[in-house]
Amino acid sequence: MFSAMDTVQSIRTGKRKKRRNFNVADFIISLFVLLYSLACILPMILTLMVSITDENTIMR
């Protein structure tokens, strides 16, 4: 977390904190975890929606 003093100090000295470099491996791993979690969560959501829906509506 940045405090107000860090911000003021960085403005006075002209120094800024380094941004994290973009890493392709981190992006690929994050994308894989996101897709895997969606593949697990979506069937549960769909099952819940079908269980709540009335059977007569589904049969039409």
PDB file of N, CA and C in Angstrom:
ATOM      1  N   MET A   1       0.834  -1.178   0.000  1.00  0.00           N
ATOM      2  CA  MET A   1       0.000   0.000   0.000  1.00  0.00           C
ATOM      3  C   MET A   1       0.881   1.243   0.000  1.00  0.00           C
ATOM      4  N   PHE A   2       0.421   2.227  -0.704  1.00  0.00           N
ATOM      5  CA  PHE A   2       1.130   3.485  -0.740  1.00  0.00           C
ATOM      6  C   PHE A   2       0.519   4.424   0.282  1.00  0.00           C
ATOM      7  N   SER A   3       1.370   5.126   0.975  1.00  0.00           N
ATOM      8  CA  SER A   3       0.862   6.128   1.901  1.00  0.00           C
ATOM      9  C   SER A   3       0.997   7.496   1.237  1.00  0.00           C
ATOM     10  N   ALA A   4       0.381   8.474   1.838  1.00  0.00           N
ATOM     11  CA  ALA A   4       0.451   9.829   1.297  1.00  0.00           C
ATOM     12  C   ALA A   4       1.884  10.343   1.322  1.00  0.00           C
ATOM     13  N   MET A   5       2.640   9.978   2.357  1.00  0.00           N
ATOM     14  CA  MET A   5       4.029  10.432   2.455  1.00  0.00           C
ATOM     15  C   MET A   5       4.885   9.829   1.345  1.00  0.00           C
ATOM     16  N   ASP A   6       4.632   8.568   0.984  1.00  0.00           N
ATOM     17  CA  ASP A   6       5.378   7.958  -0.117  1.00  0.00           C
ATOM     18  C   ASP A   6       5.118   8.700  -1.419  1.00  0.00           C
ATOM     19  N   THR A   7       3.870   9.069  -1.625  1.00  0.00           N
ATOM     20  CA  THR A   7       3.512   9.791  -2.844  1.00  0.00           C
ATOM     21  C   THR A   7       4.175  11.154  -2.880  1.00  0.00           C
ATOM     22  N   VAL A   8       4.108  11.868  -1.772  1.00  0.00           N
ATOM     23  CA  VAL A   8       4.733  13.197  -1.705  1.00  0.00           C
ATOM     24  C   VAL A   8       6.236  13.071  -1.869  1.00  0.00           C
ATOM     25  N   GLN A   9       6.821  12.076  -1.246  1.00  0.00           N
ATOM     26  CA  GLN A   9       8.263  11.897  -1.321  1.00  0.00           C
ATOM     27  C   GLN A   9       8.690  11.538  -2.747  1.00  0.00           C
ATOM     28  N   SER A  10       7.906  10.708  -3.424  1.00  0.00           N
ATOM     29  CA  SER A  10       8.268  10.343  -4.790  1.00  0.00           C
ATOM     30  C   SER A  10       8.120  11.525  -5.735  1.00  0.00           C
ATOM     31  N   ILE A  11       7.173  12.414  -5.453  1.00  0.00           N
ATOM     32  CA  ILE A  11       7.020  13.610  -6.286  1.00  0.00           C
ATOM     33  C   ILE A  11       8.204  14.541  -6.074  1.00  0.00           C
ATOM     34  N   ARG A  12       8.632  14.689  -4.844  1.00  0.00           N
ATOM     35  CA  ARG A  12       9.751  15.593  -4.542  1.00  0.00           C
ATOM     36  C   ARG A  12      11.050  15.080  -5.140  1.00  0.00           C
ATOM     37  N   THR A  13      11.303  13.788  -5.011  1.00  0.00           N
ATOM     38  CA  THR A  13      12.579  13.249  -5.465  1.00  0.00           C
ATOM     39  C   THR A  13      12.547  12.842  -6.929  1.00  0.00           C
ATOM     40  N   GLY A  14      11.367  12.739  -7.513  1.00  0.00           N
ATOM     41  CA  GLY A  14      11.265  12.336  -8.907  1.00  0.00           C
ATOM     42  C   GLY A  14      11.377  10.838  -9.095  1.00  0.00           C
ATOM     43  N   LYS A  15      11.409  10.098  -8.015  1.00  0.00           N
ATOM     44  CA  LYS A  15      11.521   8.639  -8.110  1.00  0.00           C
ATOM     45  C   LYS A  15      10.131   8.020  -8.067  1.00  0.00           C
ATOM     46  N   ARG A  16       9.959   7.031  -8.853  1.00  0.00           N
ATOM     47  CA  ARG A  16       8.707   6.284  -8.822  1.00  0.00           C
ATOM     48  C   ARG A  16       9.024   4.823  -8.581  1.00  0.00           C
ATOM     49  N   LYS A  17       8.071   4.149  -7.983  1.00  0.00           N
ATOM     50  CA  LYS A  17       8.280   2.729  -7.745  1.00  0.00           C
ATOM     51  C   LYS A  17       8.190   1.993  -9.068  1.00  0.00           C
ATOM     52  N   LYS A  18       9.007   0.951  -9.205  1.00  0.00           N
ATOM     53  CA  LYS A  18       9.020   0.183 -10.442  1.00  0.00           C
ATOM     54  C   LYS A  18       7.721  -0.590 -10.598  1.00  0.00           C
ATOM     55  N   ARG A  19       7.227  -0.592 -11.817  1.00  0.00           N
ATOM     56  CA  ARG A  19       6.066  -1.423 -12.118  1.00  0.00           C
ATOM     57  C   ARG A  19       6.552  -2.840 -12.354  1.00  0.00           C
ATOM     58  N   ARG A  20       5.686  -3.764 -12.089  1.00  0.00           N
ATOM     59  CA  ARG A  20       6.031  -5.162 -12.312  1.00  0.00           C
ATOM     60  C   ARG A  20       6.102  -5.425 -13.810  1.00  0.00           C
ATOM     61  N   ASN A  21       7.137  -6.091 -14.246  1.00  0.00           N
ATOM     62  CA  ASN A  21       7.290  -6.385 -15.663  1.00  0.00           C
ATOM     63  C   ASN A  21       6.262  -7.410 -16.111  1.00  0.00           C
ATOM     64  N   PHE A  22       5.837  -7.295 -17.362  1.00  0.00           N
ATOM     65  CA  PHE A  22       4.892  -8.240 -17.944  1.00  0.00           C
ATOM     66  C   PHE A  22       5.621  -9.551 -18.192  1.00  0.00           C
ATOM     67  N   ASN A  23       5.081 -10.616 -17.640  1.00  0.00           N
ATOM     68  CA  ASN A  23       5.703 -11.919 -17.786  1.00  0.00           C
ATOM     69  C   ASN A  23       4.737 -12.838 -18.524  1.00  0.00           C
ATOM     70  N   VAL A  24       5.187 -13.407 -19.634  1.00  0.00           N
ATOM     71  CA  VAL A  24       4.336 -14.254 -20.461  1.00  0.00           C
ATOM     72  C   VAL A  24       3.929 -15.512 -19.703  1.00  0.00           C
ATOM     73  N   ALA A  25       4.836 -16.078 -18.932  1.00  0.00           N
ATOM     74  CA  ALA A  25       4.521 -17.300 -18.186  1.00  0.00           C
ATOM     75  C   ALA A  25       3.414 -17.042 -17.161  1.00  0.00           C
ATOM     76  N   ASP A  26       3.472 -15.912 -16.476  1.00  0.00           N
ATOM     77  CA  ASP A  26       2.413 -15.570 -15.516  1.00  0.00           C
ATOM     78  C   ASP A  26       1.074 -15.403 -16.217  1.00  0.00           C
ATOM     79  N   PHE A  27       1.095 -14.802 -17.398  1.00  0.00           N
ATOM     80  CA  PHE A  27      -0.136 -14.605 -18.164  1.00  0.00           C
ATOM     81  C   PHE A  27      -0.736 -15.948 -18.578  1.00  0.00           C
ATOM     82  N   ILE A  28       0.093 -16.861 -19.054  1.00  0.00           N
ATOM     83  CA  ILE A  28      -0.394 -18.171 -19.499  1.00  0.00           C
ATOM     84  C   ILE A  28      -0.948 -18.963 -18.326  1.00  0.00           C
ATOM     85  N   ILE A  29      -0.260 -18.943 -17.202  1.00  0.00           N
ATOM     86  CA  ILE A  29      -0.732 -19.669 -16.019  1.00  0.00           C
ATOM     87  C   ILE A  29      -2.040 -19.073 -15.521  1.00  0.00           C
ATOM     88  N   SER A  30      -2.130 -17.761 -15.483  1.00  0.00           N
ATOM     89  CA  SER A  30      -3.367 -17.105 -15.035  1.00  0.00           C
ATOM     90  C   SER A  30      -4.523 -17.418 -15.974  1.00  0.00           C
ATOM     91  N   LEU A  31      -4.257 -17.418 -17.267  1.00  0.00           N
ATOM     92  CA  LEU A  31      -5.292 -17.746 -18.248  1.00  0.00           C
ATOM     93  C   LEU A  31      -5.761 -19.185 -18.077  1.00  0.00           C
ATOM     94  N   PHE A  32      -4.830 -20.105 -17.857  1.00  0.00           N
ATOM     95  CA  PHE A  32      -5.181 -21.511 -17.659  1.00  0.00           C
ATOM     96  C   PHE A  32      -6.031 -21.686 -16.406  1.00  0.00           C
ATOM     97  N   VAL A  33      -5.655 -21.039 -15.326  1.00  0.00           N
ATOM     98  CA  VAL A  33      -6.424 -21.141 -14.078  1.00  0.00           C
ATOM     99  C   VAL A  33      -7.816 -20.546 -14.263  1.00  0.00           C
ATOM    100  N   LEU A  34      -7.916 -19.430 -14.960  1.00  0.00           N
ATOM    101  CA  LEU A  34      -9.213 -18.809 -15.218  1.00  0.00           C
ATOM    102  C   LEU A  34     -10.112 -19.729 -16.045  1.00  0.00           C
ATOM    103  N   LEU A  35      -9.579 -20.286 -17.117  1.00  0.00           N
ATOM    104  CA  LEU A  35     -10.378 -21.176 -17.961  1.00  0.00           C
ATOM    105  C   LEU A  35     -10.774 -22.443 -17.218  1.00  0.00           C
ATOM    106  N   TYR A  36      -9.878 -22.988 -16.415  1.00  0.00           N
ATOM    107  CA  TYR A  36     -10.178 -24.188 -15.639  1.00  0.00           C
ATOM    108  C   TYR A  36     -11.278 -23.907 -14.617  1.00  0.00           C
ATOM    109  N   SER A  37     -11.195 -22.762 -13.966  1.00  0.00           N
ATOM    110  CA  SER A  37     -12.222 -22.433 -12.968  1.00  0.00           C
ATOM    111  C   SER A  37     -13.571 -22.193 -13.630  1.00  0.00           C
ATOM    112  N   LEU A  38     -13.581 -21.570 -14.807  1.00  0.00           N
ATOM    113  CA  LEU A  38     -14.837 -21.393 -15.534  1.00  0.00           C
ATOM    114  C   LEU A  38     -15.416 -22.733 -15.959  1.00  0.00           C
ATOM    115  N   ALA A  39     -14.564 -23.654 -16.377  1.00  0.00           N
ATOM    116  CA  ALA A  39     -15.034 -24.973 -16.794  1.00  0.00           C
ATOM    117  C   ALA A  39     -15.625 -25.741 -15.622  1.00  0.00           C
ATOM    118  N   CYS A  40     -15.193 -25.450 -14.415  1.00  0.00           N
ATOM    119  CA  CYS A  40     -15.739 -26.127 -13.231  1.00  0.00           C
ATOM    120  C   CYS A  40     -16.982 -25.425 -12.697  1.00  0.00           C
ATOM    121  N   ILE A  41     -17.007 -24.115 -12.780  1.00  0.00           N
ATOM    122  CA  ILE A  41     -18.105 -23.352 -12.182  1.00  0.00           C
ATOM    123  C   ILE A  41     -19.340 -23.323 -13.079  1.00  0.00           C
ATOM    124  N   LEU A  42     -19.155 -23.203 -14.393  1.00  0.00           N
ATOM    125  CA  LEU A  42     -20.305 -23.104 -15.294  1.00  0.00           C
ATOM    126  C   LEU A  42     -21.245 -24.307 -15.215  1.00  0.00           C
ATOM    127  N   PRO A  43     -20.761 -25.545 -15.197  1.00  0.00           N
ATOM    128  CA  PRO A  43     -21.706 -26.668 -15.058  1.00  0.00           C
ATOM    129  C   PRO A  43     -22.499 -26.623 -13.753  1.00  0.00           C
ATOM    130  N   MET A  44     -21.870 -26.173 -12.685  1.00  0.00           N
ATOM    131  CA  MET A  44     -22.600 -26.069 -11.417  1.00  0.00           C
ATOM    132  C   MET A  44     -23.693 -25.009 -11.511  1.00  0.00           C
ATOM    133  N   ILE A  45     -23.395 -23.888 -12.145  1.00  0.00           N
ATOM    134  CA  ILE A  45     -24.396 -22.830 -12.299  1.00  0.00           C
ATOM    135  C   ILE A  45     -25.547 -23.312 -13.176  1.00  0.00           C
ATOM    136  N   LEU A  46     -25.220 -23.990 -14.275  1.00  0.00           N
ATOM    137  CA  LEU A  46     -26.265 -24.496 -15.162  1.00  0.00           C
ATOM    138  C   LEU A  46     -27.132 -25.533 -14.458  1.00  0.00           C
ATOM    139  N   THR A  47     -26.517 -26.405 -13.663  1.00  0.00           N
ATOM    140  CA  THR A  47     -27.279 -27.402 -12.909  1.00  0.00           C
ATOM    141  C   THR A  47     -28.210 -26.727 -11.916  1.00  0.00           C
ATOM    142  N   LEU A  48     -27.737 -25.709 -11.252  1.00  0.00           N
ATOM    143  CA  LEU A  48     -28.569 -24.972 -10.309  1.00  0.00           C
ATOM    144  C   LEU A  48     -29.738 -24.297 -11.023  1.00  0.00           C
ATOM    145  N   MET A  49     -29.479 -23.717 -12.187  1.00  0.00           N
ATOM    146  CA  MET A  49     -30.549 -23.063 -12.940  1.00  0.00           C
ATOM    147  C   MET A  49     -31.616 -24.068 -13.368  1.00  0.00           C
ATOM    148  N   VAL A  50     -31.194 -25.245 -13.812  1.00  0.00           N
ATOM    149  CA  VAL A  50     -32.149 -26.261 -14.249  1.00  0.00           C
ATOM    150  C   VAL A  50     -32.932 -26.799 -13.065  1.00  0.00           C
ATOM    151  N   SER A  51     -32.283 -26.951 -11.924  1.00  0.00           N
ATOM    152  CA  SER A  51     -32.994 -27.483 -10.762  1.00  0.00           C
ATOM    153  C   SER A  51     -34.028 -26.491 -10.230  1.00  0.00           C
ATOM    154  N   ILE A  52     -33.785 -25.206 -10.429  1.00  0.00           N
ATOM    155  CA  ILE A  52     -34.741 -24.197  -9.973  1.00  0.00           C
ATOM    156  C   ILE A  52     -35.906 -24.065 -10.960  1.00  0.00           C
ATOM    157  N   THR A  53     -35.620 -24.269 -12.245  1.00  0.00           N
ATOM    158  CA  THR A  53     -36.637 -24.103 -13.282  1.00  0.00           C
ATOM    159  C   THR A  53     -37.696 -25.200 -13.176  1.00  0.00           C
ATOM    160  N   ASP A  54     -38.914 -24.835 -13.468  1.00  0.00           N
ATOM    161  CA  ASP A  54     -40.028 -25.775 -13.412  1.00  0.00           C
ATOM    162  C   ASP A  54     -39.885 -26.826 -14.517  1.00  0.00           C
ATOM    163  N   GLU A  55     -40.249 -28.073 -14.222  1.00  0.00           N
ATOM    164  CA  GLU A  55     -40.098 -29.156 -15.192  1.00  0.00           C
ATOM    165  C   GLU A  55     -40.963 -28.941 -16.424  1.00  0.00           C
ATOM    166  N   ASN A  56     -42.145 -28.387 -16.258  1.00  0.00           N
ATOM    167  CA  ASN A  56     -43.030 -28.164 -17.396  1.00  0.00           C
ATOM    168  C   ASN A  56     -42.429 -27.171 -18.388  1.00  0.00           C
ATOM    169  N   THR A  57     -41.704 -26.209 -17.883  1.00  0.00           N
ATOM    170  CA  THR A  57     -41.056 -25.233 -18.754  1.00  0.00           C
ATOM    171  C   THR A  57     -39.946 -25.893 -19.563  1.00  0.00           C
ATOM    172  N   ILE A  58     -39.225 -26.805 -18.940  1.00  0.00           N
ATOM    173  CA  ILE A  58     -38.133 -27.490 -19.627  1.00  0.00           C
ATOM    174  C   ILE A  58     -38.679 -28.419 -20.708  1.00  0.00           C
ATOM    175  N   MET A  59     -39.809 -29.086 -20.457  1.00  0.00           N
ATOM    176  CA  MET A  59     -40.375 -30.056 -21.393  1.00  0.00           C
ATOM    177  C   MET A  59     -40.942 -29.403 -22.658  1.00  0.00           C
ATOM    178  N   ARG A  60     -41.254 -28.128 -22.638  1.00  0.00           N
ATOM    179  CA  ARG A  60     -41.846 -27.471 -23.818  1.00  0.00           C
ATOM    180  C   ARG A  60     -40.914 -27.433 -24.981  1.00  0.00           C
TER     181      ARG A  60
END
